[in-house]
Amino acid sequence: MSLSDFNQKIYLIITTEVDKENATKIANLLLREKLIPCVTFKNIESHFWWEGDIVQAKEVQLLIKCREENVNKVIGKISDCHSYSVPEIIYFRVSVNNKFNNWVNSI
């Protein structure tokens, strides 16, 4: 495989949740509605400012793969059901190989 095989574009959406139960709730909602083909969970530790203090928290990070036409719907669903009052939602366009792109777009 070479760089020329990575000419297809999809979107990655990153968010964090307080625990696996809430992360699974978001993932299953997006999967059932066929807005995404897959999501990856990762246990992380975050350090951040919150209400005047530095906070340390264990969280679950979701890395969501998405077609361009579903990005707004996915972000809306995450915003609607997220457990945080200020959810982290980051998205960006990435290059993927042709086979992975075909699979993402088959869902």
PDB file of N, CA and C in Angstrom:
ATOM      1  N   MET A   1       0.849  -1.169   0.000  1.00  0.00           N
ATOM      2  CA  MET A   1       0.000   0.000   0.000  1.00  0.00           C
ATOM      3  C   MET A   1       0.900   1.240   0.000  1.00  0.00           C
ATOM      4  N   SER A   2       0.513   2.219  -0.776  1.00  0.00           N
ATOM      5  CA  SER A   2       1.281   3.465  -0.851  1.00  0.00           C
ATOM      6  C   SER A   2       0.360   4.661  -0.602  1.00  0.00           C
ATOM      7  N   LEU A   3       0.948   5.835  -0.536  1.00  0.00           N
ATOM      8  CA  LEU A   3       0.147   7.039  -0.301  1.00  0.00           C
ATOM      9  C   LEU A   3      -0.919   7.252  -1.363  1.00  0.00           C
ATOM     10  N   SER A   4      -0.659   6.798  -2.568  1.00  0.00           N
ATOM     11  CA  SER A   4      -1.647   6.971  -3.631  1.00  0.00           C
ATOM     12  C   SER A   4      -2.925   6.172  -3.360  1.00  0.00           C
ATOM     13  N   ASP A   5      -2.867   5.187  -2.451  1.00  0.00           N
ATOM     14  CA  ASP A   5      -4.051   4.422  -2.081  1.00  0.00           C
ATOM     15  C   ASP A   5      -4.935   5.162  -1.074  1.00  0.00           C
ATOM     16  N   PHE A   6      -4.459   6.304  -0.579  1.00  0.00           N
ATOM     17  CA  PHE A   6      -5.174   7.051   0.457  1.00  0.00           C
ATOM     18  C   PHE A   6      -5.775   8.338  -0.102  1.00  0.00           C
ATOM     19  N   ASN A   7      -6.535   8.211  -1.176  1.00  0.00           N
ATOM     20  CA  ASN A   7      -7.097   9.400  -1.805  1.00  0.00           C
ATOM     21  C   ASN A   7      -8.580   9.585  -1.499  1.00  0.00           C
ATOM     22  N   GLN A   8      -9.123   8.764  -0.626  1.00  0.00           N
ATOM     23  CA  GLN A   8     -10.524   8.881  -0.235  1.00  0.00           C
ATOM     24  C   GLN A   8     -10.630   9.622   1.090  1.00  0.00           C
ATOM     25  N   LYS A   9     -11.721  10.325   1.297  1.00  0.00           N
ATOM     26  CA  LYS A   9     -11.889  11.142   2.501  1.00  0.00           C
ATOM     27  C   LYS A   9     -13.115  10.704   3.297  1.00  0.00           C
ATOM     28  N   ILE A  10     -12.922  10.578   4.600  1.00  0.00           N
ATOM     29  CA  ILE A  10     -14.030  10.391   5.527  1.00  0.00           C
ATOM     30  C   ILE A  10     -13.826  11.374   6.676  1.00  0.00           C
ATOM     31  N   TYR A  11     -14.734  11.376   7.619  1.00  0.00           N
ATOM     32  CA  TYR A  11     -14.612  12.248   8.778  1.00  0.00           C
ATOM     33  C   TYR A  11     -14.451  11.431  10.046  1.00  0.00           C
ATOM     34  N   LEU A  12     -13.632  11.941  10.949  1.00  0.00           N
ATOM     35  CA  LEU A  12     -13.487  11.388  12.288  1.00  0.00           C
ATOM     36  C   LEU A  12     -14.102  12.389  13.254  1.00  0.00           C
ATOM     37  N   ILE A  13     -14.908  11.891  14.149  1.00  0.00           N
ATOM     38  CA  ILE A  13     -15.513  12.715  15.182  1.00  0.00           C
ATOM     39  C   ILE A  13     -15.043  12.161  16.514  1.00  0.00           C
ATOM     40  N   ILE A  14     -14.505  13.037  17.349  1.00  0.00           N
ATOM     41  CA  ILE A  14     -14.011  12.634  18.662  1.00  0.00           C
ATOM     42  C   ILE A  14     -14.888  13.266  19.727  1.00  0.00           C
ATOM     43  N   THR A  15     -15.278  12.457  20.688  1.00  0.00           N
ATOM     44  CA  THR A  15     -15.951  12.964  21.867  1.00  0.00           C
ATOM     45  C   THR A  15     -15.504  12.119  23.051  1.00  0.00           C
ATOM     46  N   THR A  16     -15.757  12.604  24.246  1.00  0.00           N
ATOM     47  CA  THR A  16     -15.458  11.846  25.456  1.00  0.00           C
ATOM     48  C   THR A  16     -16.731  11.715  26.266  1.00  0.00           C
ATOM     49  N   GLU A  17     -16.794  10.631  27.028  1.00  0.00           N
ATOM     50  CA  GLU A  17     -17.921  10.400  27.925  1.00  0.00           C
ATOM     51  C   GLU A  17     -17.394  10.025  29.292  1.00  0.00           C
ATOM     52  N   VAL A  18     -18.260  10.146  30.266  1.00  0.00           N
ATOM     53  CA  VAL A  18     -17.882   9.900  31.650  1.00  0.00           C
ATOM     54  C   VAL A  18     -17.546   8.426  31.905  1.00  0.00           C
ATOM     55  N   ASP A  19     -18.184   7.508  31.168  1.00  0.00           N
ATOM     56  CA  ASP A  19     -17.937   6.083  31.392  1.00  0.00           C
ATOM     57  C   ASP A  19     -18.346   5.275  30.162  1.00  0.00           C
ATOM     58  N   LYS A  20     -18.062   3.976  30.217  1.00  0.00           N
ATOM     59  CA  LYS A  20     -18.346   3.083  29.087  1.00  0.00           C
ATOM     60  C   LYS A  20     -19.849   2.971  28.828  1.00  0.00           C
ATOM     61  N   GLU A  21     -20.640   3.008  29.877  1.00  0.00           N
ATOM     62  CA  GLU A  21     -22.093   2.906  29.702  1.00  0.00           C
ATOM     63  C   GLU A  21     -22.621   4.052  28.841  1.00  0.00           C
ATOM     64  N   ASN A  22     -22.215   5.270  29.145  1.00  0.00           N
ATOM     65  CA  ASN A  22     -22.662   6.423  28.351  1.00  0.00           C
ATOM     66  C   ASN A  22     -22.056   6.418  26.953  1.00  0.00           C
ATOM     67  N   ALA A  23     -20.808   5.984  26.826  1.00  0.00           N
ATOM     68  CA  ALA A  23     -20.173   5.886  25.509  1.00  0.00           C
ATOM     69  C   ALA A  23     -20.916   4.872  24.640  1.00  0.00           C
ATOM     70  N   THR A  24     -21.280   3.752  25.244  1.00  0.00           N
ATOM     71  CA  THR A  24     -22.005   2.704  24.521  1.00  0.00           C
ATOM     72  C   THR A  24     -23.380   3.196  24.086  1.00  0.00           C
ATOM     73  N   LYS A  25     -24.031   3.984  24.925  1.00  0.00           N
ATOM     74  CA  LYS A  25     -25.344   4.555  24.590  1.00  0.00           C
ATOM     75  C   LYS A  25     -25.250   5.396  23.319  1.00  0.00           C
ATOM     76  N   ILE A  26     -24.256   6.265  23.263  1.00  0.00           N
ATOM     77  CA  ILE A  26     -24.062   7.103  22.068  1.00  0.00           C
ATOM     78  C   ILE A  26     -23.738   6.240  20.856  1.00  0.00           C
ATOM     79  N   ALA A  27     -22.794   5.316  21.023  1.00  0.00           N
ATOM     80  CA  ALA A  27     -22.374   4.465  19.911  1.00  0.00           C
ATOM     81  C   ALA A  27     -23.546   3.669  19.348  1.00  0.00           C
ATOM     82  N   ASN A  28     -24.314   3.031  20.223  1.00  0.00           N
ATOM     83  CA  ASN A  28     -25.429   2.211  19.756  1.00  0.00           C
ATOM     84  C   ASN A  28     -26.494   3.030  19.054  1.00  0.00           C
ATOM     85  N   LEU A  29     -26.762   4.238  19.536  1.00  0.00           N
ATOM     86  CA  LEU A  29     -27.722   5.120  18.877  1.00  0.00           C
ATOM     87  C   LEU A  29     -27.269   5.424  17.443  1.00  0.00           C
ATOM     88  N   LEU A  30     -26.008   5.809  17.295  1.00  0.00           N
ATOM     89  CA  LEU A  30     -25.478   6.163  15.977  1.00  0.00           C
ATOM     90  C   LEU A  30     -25.422   4.957  15.044  1.00  0.00           C
ATOM     91  N   LEU A  31     -25.058   3.802  15.593  1.00  0.00           N
ATOM     92  CA  LEU A  31     -24.986   2.578  14.786  1.00  0.00           C
ATOM     93  C   LEU A  31     -26.384   2.120  14.352  1.00  0.00           C
ATOM     94  N   ARG A  32     -27.330   2.095  15.285  1.00  0.00           N
ATOM     95  CA  ARG A  32     -28.698   1.651  14.954  1.00  0.00           C
ATOM     96  C   ARG A  32     -29.329   2.511  13.867  1.00  0.00           C
ATOM     97  N   GLU A  33     -29.039   3.812  13.899  1.00  0.00           N
ATOM     98  CA  GLU A  33     -29.600   4.712  12.894  1.00  0.00           C
ATOM     99  C   GLU A  33     -28.777   4.736  11.606  1.00  0.00           C
ATOM    100  N   LYS A  34     -27.750   3.904  11.556  1.00  0.00           N
ATOM    101  CA  LYS A  34     -26.864   3.776  10.383  1.00  0.00           C
ATOM    102  C   LYS A  34     -26.253   5.107   9.962  1.00  0.00           C
ATOM    103  N   LEU A  35     -25.938   5.938  10.964  1.00  0.00           N
ATOM    104  CA  LEU A  35     -25.254   7.201  10.692  1.00  0.00           C
ATOM    105  C   LEU A  35     -23.749   7.000  10.636  1.00  0.00           C
ATOM    106  N   ILE A  36     -23.276   5.909  11.211  1.00  0.00           N
ATOM    107  CA  ILE A  36     -21.848   5.598  11.238  1.00  0.00           C
ATOM    108  C   ILE A  36     -21.666   4.097  11.002  1.00  0.00           C
ATOM    109  N   PRO A  37     -20.494   3.707  10.473  1.00  0.00           N
ATOM    110  CA  PRO A  37     -20.217   2.280  10.334  1.00  0.00           C
ATOM    111  C   PRO A  37     -19.513   1.684  11.557  1.00  0.00           C
ATOM    112  N   CYS A  38     -18.792   2.532  12.319  1.00  0.00           N
ATOM    113  CA  CYS A  38     -18.071   1.994  13.478  1.00  0.00           C
ATOM    114  C   CYS A  38     -17.597   3.117  14.395  1.00  0.00           C
ATOM    115  N   VAL A  39     -17.271   2.701  15.613  1.00  0.00           N
ATOM    116  CA  VAL A  39     -16.742   3.616  16.623  1.00  0.00           C
ATOM    117  C   VAL A  39     -15.771   2.820  17.483  1.00  0.00           C
ATOM    118  N   THR A  40     -14.712   3.471  17.900  1.00  0.00           N
ATOM    119  CA  THR A  40     -13.700   2.853  18.744  1.00  0.00           C
ATOM    120  C   THR A  40     -13.710   3.543  20.099  1.00  0.00           C
ATOM    121  N   PHE A  41     -13.619   2.762  21.173  1.00  0.00           N
ATOM    122  CA  PHE A  41     -13.537   3.303  22.528  1.00  0.00           C
ATOM    123  C   PHE A  41     -12.117   3.180  23.040  1.00  0.00           C
ATOM    124  N   LYS A  42     -11.732   4.152  23.862  1.00  0.00           N
ATOM    125  CA  LYS A  42     -10.421   4.114  24.501  1.00  0.00           C
ATOM    126  C   LYS A  42     -10.549   4.744  25.889  1.00  0.00           C
ATOM    127  N   ASN A  43     -10.057   4.059  26.909  1.00  0.00           N
ATOM    128  CA  ASN A  43     -10.018   4.633  28.250  1.00  0.00           C
ATOM    129  C   ASN A  43      -8.888   5.649  28.308  1.00  0.00           C
ATOM    130  N   ILE A  44      -9.203   6.842  28.809  1.00  0.00           N
ATOM    131  CA  ILE A  44      -8.216   7.913  28.871  1.00  0.00           C
ATOM    132  C   ILE A  44      -8.283   8.599  30.227  1.00  0.00           C
ATOM    133  N   GLU A  45      -7.288   9.399  30.509  1.00  0.00           N
ATOM    134  CA  GLU A  45      -7.307  10.284  31.670  1.00  0.00           C
ATOM    135  C   GLU A  45      -7.166  11.694  31.159  1.00  0.00           C
ATOM    136  N   SER A  46      -8.077  12.564  31.572  1.00  0.00           N
ATOM    137  CA  SER A  46      -8.078  13.955  31.126  1.00  0.00           C
ATOM    138  C   SER A  46      -7.760  14.877  32.294  1.00  0.00           C
ATOM    139  N   HIS A  47      -7.103  15.973  31.985  1.00  0.00           N
ATOM    140  CA  HIS A  47      -6.820  17.047  32.945  1.00  0.00           C
ATOM    141  C   HIS A  47      -7.321  18.330  32.300  1.00  0.00           C
ATOM    142  N   PHE A  48      -8.171  19.075  33.018  1.00  0.00           N
ATOM    143  CA  PHE A  48      -8.775  20.249  32.404  1.00  0.00           C
ATOM    144  C   PHE A  48      -9.266  21.219  33.475  1.00  0.00           C
ATOM    145  N   TRP A  49      -9.471  22.448  33.038  1.00  0.00           N
ATOM    146  CA  TRP A  49     -10.059  23.454  33.911  1.00  0.00           C
ATOM    147  C   TRP A  49     -11.562  23.270  33.903  1.00  0.00           C
ATOM    148  N   TRP A  50     -12.184  23.277  35.104  1.00  0.00           N
ATOM    149  CA  TRP A  50     -13.633  23.237  35.190  1.00  0.00           C
ATOM    150  C   TRP A  50     -14.071  24.016  36.423  1.00  0.00           C
ATOM    151  N   GLU A  51     -14.866  25.037  36.186  1.00  0.00           N
ATOM    152  CA  GLU A  51     -15.417  25.871  37.247  1.00  0.00           C
ATOM    153  C   GLU A  51     -14.348  26.363  38.222  1.00  0.00           C
ATOM    154  N   GLY A  52     -13.241  26.851  37.662  1.00  0.00           N
ATOM    155  CA  GLY A  52     -12.189  27.473  38.451  1.00  0.00           C
ATOM    156  C   GLY A  52     -11.146  26.545  39.037  1.00  0.00           C
ATOM    157  N   ASP A  53     -11.273  25.257  38.815  1.00  0.00           N
ATOM    158  CA  ASP A  53     -10.307  24.285  39.355  1.00  0.00           C
ATOM    159  C   ASP A  53      -9.740  23.422  38.247  1.00  0.00           C
ATOM    160  N   ILE A  54      -8.549  22.911  38.480  1.00  0.00           N
ATOM    161  CA  ILE A  54      -7.982  21.902  37.579  1.00  0.00           C
ATOM    162  C   ILE A  54      -8.518  20.550  38.035  1.00  0.00           C
ATOM    163  N   VAL A  55      -9.115  19.843  37.110  1.00  0.00           N
ATOM    164  CA  VAL A  55      -9.768  18.561  37.397  1.00  0.00           C
ATOM    165  C   VAL A  55      -9.037  17.453  36.655  1.00  0.00           C
ATOM    166  N   GLN A  56      -8.973  16.310  37.288  1.00  0.00           N
ATOM    167  CA  GLN A  56      -8.434  15.090  36.692  1.00  0.00           C
ATOM    168  C   GLN A  56      -9.589  14.101  36.630  1.00  0.00           C
ATOM    169  N   ALA A  57      -9.801  13.478  35.476  1.00  0.00           N
ATOM    170  CA  ALA A  57     -10.926  12.553  35.352  1.00  0.00           C
ATOM    171  C   ALA A  57     -10.589  11.404  34.418  1.00  0.00           C
ATOM    172  N   LYS A  58     -11.078  10.246  34.764  1.00  0.00           N
ATOM    173  CA  LYS A  58     -11.014   9.106  33.848  1.00  0.00           C
ATOM    174  C   LYS A  58     -12.249   9.208  32.954  1.00  0.00           C
ATOM    175  N   GLU A  59     -12.034   9.049  31.654  1.00  0.00           N
ATOM    176  CA  GLU A  59     -13.112   9.161  30.679  1.00  0.00           C
ATOM    177  C   GLU A  59     -12.959   8.061  29.632  1.00  0.00           C
ATOM    178  N   VAL A  60     -13.972   7.949  28.805  1.00  0.00           N
ATOM    179  CA  VAL A  60     -13.916   7.070  27.638  1.00  0.00           C
ATOM    180  C   VAL A  60     -13.971   7.959  26.410  1.00  0.00           C
ATOM    181  N   GLN A  61     -12.975   7.822  25.551  1.00  0.00           N
ATOM    182  CA  GLN A  61     -12.927   8.592  24.310  1.00  0.00           C
ATOM    183  C   GLN A  61     -13.549   7.757  23.194  1.00  0.00           C
ATOM    184  N   LEU A  62     -14.393   8.382  22.415  1.00  0.00           N
ATOM    185  CA  LEU A  62     -14.996   7.739  21.256  1.00  0.00           C
ATOM    186  C   LEU A  62     -14.365   8.318  20.004  1.00  0.00           C
ATOM    187  N   LEU A  63     -13.899   7.461  19.129  1.00  0.00           N
ATOM    188  CA  LEU A  63     -13.389   7.851  17.822  1.00  0.00           C
ATOM    189  C   LEU A  63     -14.377   7.296  16.793  1.00  0.00           C
ATOM    190  N   ILE A  64     -15.153   8.195  16.234  1.00  0.00           N
ATOM    191  CA  ILE A  64     -16.285   7.830  15.386  1.00  0.00           C
ATOM    192  C   ILE A  64     -15.925   8.072  13.926  1.00  0.00           C
ATOM    193  N   LYS A  65     -16.118   7.053  13.085  1.00  0.00           N
ATOM    194  CA  LYS A  65     -15.865   7.190  11.653  1.00  0.00           C
ATOM    195  C   LYS A  65     -17.187   7.506  10.975  1.00  0.00           C
ATOM    196  N   CYS A  66     -17.160   8.414   9.982  1.00  0.00           N
ATOM    197  CA  CYS A  66     -18.413   8.929   9.448  1.00  0.00           C
ATOM    198  C   CYS A  66     -18.244   9.398   8.006  1.00  0.00           C
ATOM    199  N   ARG A  67     -19.294   9.220   7.216  1.00  0.00           N
ATOM    200  CA  ARG A  67     -19.334   9.811   5.869  1.00  0.00           C
ATOM    201  C   ARG A  67     -19.650  11.291   5.991  1.00  0.00           C
ATOM    202  N   GLU A  68     -19.190  12.060   5.031  1.00  0.00           N
ATOM    203  CA  GLU A  68     -19.385  13.518   5.072  1.00  0.00           C
ATOM    204  C   GLU A  68     -20.854  13.905   5.211  1.00  0.00           C
ATOM    205  N   GLU A  69     -21.733  13.232   4.498  1.00  0.00           N
ATOM    206  CA  GLU A  69     -23.143  13.635   4.514  1.00  0.00           C
ATOM    207  C   GLU A  69     -23.833  13.378   5.857  1.00  0.00           C
ATOM    208  N   ASN A  70     -23.194  12.627   6.760  1.00  0.00           N
ATOM    209  CA  ASN A  70     -23.800  12.348   8.064  1.00  0.00           C
ATOM    210  C   ASN A  70     -23.183  13.136   9.218  1.00  0.00           C
ATOM    211  N   VAL A  71     -22.163  13.932   8.955  1.00  0.00           N
ATOM    212  CA  VAL A  71     -21.452  14.632  10.029  1.00  0.00           C
ATOM    213  C   VAL A  71     -22.396  15.481  10.876  1.00  0.00           C
ATOM    214  N   ASN A  72     -23.232  16.314  10.253  1.00  0.00           N
ATOM    215  CA  ASN A  72     -24.129  17.186  11.019  1.00  0.00           C
ATOM    216  C   ASN A  72     -25.124  16.397  11.852  1.00  0.00           C
ATOM    217  N   LYS A  73     -25.665  15.314  11.299  1.00  0.00           N
ATOM    218  CA  LYS A  73     -26.605  14.474  12.050  1.00  0.00           C
ATOM    219  C   LYS A  73     -25.918  13.819  13.241  1.00  0.00           C
ATOM    220  N   VAL A  74     -24.711  13.326  13.037  1.00  0.00           N
ATOM    221  CA  VAL A  74     -23.971  12.669  14.120  1.00  0.00           C
ATOM    222  C   VAL A  74     -23.683  13.667  15.237  1.00  0.00           C
ATOM    223  N   ILE A  75     -23.213  14.847  14.884  1.00  0.00           N
ATOM    224  CA  ILE A  75     -22.922  15.873  15.883  1.00  0.00           C
ATOM    225  C   ILE A  75     -24.202  16.251  16.641  1.00  0.00           C
ATOM    226  N   GLY A  76     -25.299  16.364  15.944  1.00  0.00           N
ATOM    227  CA  GLY A  76     -26.570  16.686  16.582  1.00  0.00           C
ATOM    228  C   GLY A  76     -27.007  15.611  17.571  1.00  0.00           C
ATOM    229  N   LYS A  77     -26.876  14.352  17.180  1.00  0.00           N
ATOM    230  CA  LYS A  77     -27.252  13.237  18.068  1.00  0.00           C
ATOM    231  C   LYS A  77     -26.353  13.201  19.304  1.00  0.00           C
ATOM    232  N   ILE A  78     -25.051  13.414  19.103  1.00  0.00           N
ATOM    233  CA  ILE A  78     -24.134  13.439  20.245  1.00  0.00           C
ATOM    234  C   ILE A  78     -24.538  14.559  21.200  1.00  0.00           C
ATOM    235  N   SER A  79     -24.793  15.738  20.661  1.00  0.00           N
ATOM    236  CA  SER A  79     -25.178  16.888  21.493  1.00  0.00           C
ATOM    237  C   SER A  79     -26.460  16.620  22.270  1.00  0.00           C
ATOM    238  N   ASP A  80     -27.426  15.960  21.637  1.00  0.00           N
ATOM    239  CA  ASP A  80     -28.721  15.697  22.262  1.00  0.00           C
ATOM    240  C   ASP A  80     -28.649  14.718  23.427  1.00  0.00           C
ATOM    241  N   CYS A  81     -27.769  13.725  23.341  1.00  0.00           N
ATOM    242  CA  CYS A  81     -27.799  12.669  24.364  1.00  0.00           C
ATOM    243  C   CYS A  81     -26.540  12.610  25.220  1.00  0.00           C
ATOM    244  N   HIS A  82     -25.643  13.554  25.076  1.00  0.00           N
ATOM    245  CA  HIS A  82     -24.394  13.537  25.833  1.00  0.00           C
ATOM    246  C   HIS A  82     -24.645  13.817  27.310  1.00  0.00           C
ATOM    247  N   SER A  83     -23.860  13.167  28.168  1.00  0.00           N
ATOM    248  CA  SER A  83     -24.049  13.343  29.612  1.00  0.00           C
ATOM    249  C   SER A  83     -23.417  14.634  30.145  1.00  0.00           C
ATOM    250  N   TYR A  84     -22.506  15.240  29.396  1.00  0.00           N
ATOM    251  CA  TYR A  84     -21.850  16.469  29.855  1.00  0.00           C
ATOM    252  C   TYR A  84     -22.634  17.701  29.408  1.00  0.00           C
ATOM    253  N   SER A  85     -22.626  18.738  30.231  1.00  0.00           N
ATOM    254  CA  SER A  85     -23.265  19.990  29.833  1.00  0.00           C
ATOM    255  C   SER A  85     -22.458  20.714  28.763  1.00  0.00           C
ATOM    256  N   VAL A  86     -21.146  20.457  28.721  1.00  0.00           N
ATOM    257  CA  VAL A  86     -20.263  21.016  27.703  1.00  0.00           C
ATOM    258  C   VAL A  86     -19.491  19.857  27.067  1.00  0.00           C
ATOM    259  N   PRO A  87     -20.115  19.149  26.119  1.00  0.00           N
ATOM    260  CA  PRO A  87     -19.430  18.000  25.529  1.00  0.00           C
ATOM    261  C   PRO A  87     -18.306  18.423  24.590  1.00  0.00           C
ATOM    262  N   GLU A  88     -17.231  17.658  24.642  1.00  0.00           N
ATOM    263  CA  GLU A  88     -16.161  17.826  23.659  1.00  0.00           C
ATOM    264  C   GLU A  88     -16.616  17.143  22.379  1.00  0.00           C
ATOM    265  N   ILE A  89     -16.715  17.902  21.303  1.00  0.00           N
ATOM    266  CA  ILE A  89     -17.014  17.327  19.990  1.00  0.00           C
ATOM    267  C   ILE A  89     -16.040  17.952  19.001  1.00  0.00           C
ATOM    268  N   ILE A  90     -15.161  17.132  18.477  1.00  0.00           N
ATOM    269  CA  ILE A  90     -14.143  17.577  17.527  1.00  0.00           C
ATOM    270  C   ILE A  90     -14.300  16.724  16.268  1.00  0.00           C
ATOM    271  N   TYR A  91     -14.243  17.354  15.115  1.00  0.00           N
ATOM    272  CA  TYR A  91     -14.264  16.544  13.902  1.00  0.00           C
ATOM    273  C   TYR A  91     -13.241  17.077  12.904  1.00  0.00           C
ATOM    274  N   PHE A  92     -12.783  16.168  12.063  1.00  0.00           N
ATOM    275  CA  PHE A  92     -11.851  16.552  11.011  1.00  0.00           C
ATOM    276  C   PHE A  92     -11.911  15.551   9.884  1.00  0.00           C
ATOM    277  N   ARG A  93     -11.506  15.992   8.723  1.00  0.00           N
ATOM    278  CA  ARG A  93     -11.485  15.176   7.511  1.00  0.00           C
ATOM    279  C   ARG A  93     -10.155  14.461   7.432  1.00  0.00           C
ATOM    280  N   VAL A  94     -10.199  13.175   7.100  1.00  0.00           N
ATOM    281  CA  VAL A  94      -8.979  12.380   7.019  1.00  0.00           C
ATOM    282  C   VAL A  94      -8.952  11.573   5.730  1.00  0.00           C
ATOM    283  N   SER A  95      -7.761  11.208   5.334  1.00  0.00           N
ATOM    284  CA  SER A  95      -7.583  10.348   4.171  1.00  0.00           C
ATOM    285  C   SER A  95      -7.562   8.894   4.605  1.00  0.00           C
ATOM    286  N   VAL A  96      -8.239   8.060   3.838  1.00  0.00           N
ATOM    287  CA  VAL A  96      -8.270   6.627   4.127  1.00  0.00           C
ATOM    288  C   VAL A  96      -7.996   5.844   2.850  1.00  0.00           C
ATOM    289  N   ASN A  97      -7.647   4.580   3.040  1.00  0.00           N
ATOM    290  CA  ASN A  97      -7.409   3.741   1.861  1.00  0.00           C
ATOM    291  C   ASN A  97      -8.736   3.397   1.186  1.00  0.00           C
ATOM    292  N   ASN A  98      -8.655   3.010  -0.062  1.00  0.00           N
ATOM    293  CA  ASN A  98      -9.850   2.777  -0.873  1.00  0.00           C
ATOM    294  C   ASN A  98     -10.750   1.689  -0.299  1.00  0.00           C
ATOM    295  N   LYS A  99     -10.177   0.605   0.183  1.00  0.00           N
ATOM    296  CA  LYS A  99     -11.001  -0.490   0.716  1.00  0.00           C
ATOM    297  C   LYS A  99     -11.764  -0.050   1.959  1.00  0.00           C
ATOM    298  N   PHE A 100     -11.106   0.681   2.851  1.00  0.00           N
ATOM    299  CA  PHE A 100     -11.792   1.156   4.050  1.00  0.00           C
ATOM    300  C   PHE A 100     -12.876   2.155   3.664  1.00  0.00           C
ATOM    301  N   ASN A 101     -12.584   3.037   2.745  1.00  0.00           N
ATOM    302  CA  ASN A 101     -13.571   4.006   2.271  1.00  0.00           C
ATOM    303  C   ASN A 101     -14.795   3.301   1.703  1.00  0.00           C
ATOM    304  N   ASN A 102     -14.584   2.276   0.898  1.00  0.00           N
ATOM    305  CA  ASN A 102     -15.707   1.530   0.322  1.00  0.00           C
ATOM    306  C   ASN A 102     -16.571   0.927   1.411  1.00  0.00           C
ATOM    307  N   TRP A 103     -15.924   0.392   2.460  1.00  0.00           N
ATOM    308  CA  TRP A 103     -16.675  -0.190   3.570  1.00  0.00           C
ATOM    309  C   TRP A 103     -17.461   0.890   4.319  1.00  0.00           C
ATOM    310  N   VAL A 104     -16.816   2.026   4.633  1.00  0.00           N
ATOM    311  CA  VAL A 104     -17.510   3.115   5.323  1.00  0.00           C
ATOM    312  C   VAL A 104     -18.739   3.550   4.538  1.00  0.00           C
ATOM    313  N   ASN A 105     -18.603   3.656   3.247  1.00  0.00           N
ATOM    314  CA  ASN A 105     -19.697   4.127   2.409  1.00  0.00           C
ATOM    315  C   ASN A 105     -20.734   3.058   2.088  1.00  0.00           C
ATOM    316  N   SER A 106     -20.479   1.819   2.489  1.00  0.00           N
ATOM    317  CA  SER A 106     -21.450   0.755   2.251  1.00  0.00           C
ATOM    318  C   SER A 106     -22.529   0.709   3.333  1.00  0.00           C
ATOM    319  N   ILE A 107     -22.318   1.434   4.421  1.00  0.00           N
ATOM    320  CA  ILE A 107     -23.268   1.410   5.540  1.00  0.00           C
ATOM    321  C   ILE A 107     -24.295   2.517   5.368  1.00  0.00           C
TER     322      ILE A 107
END
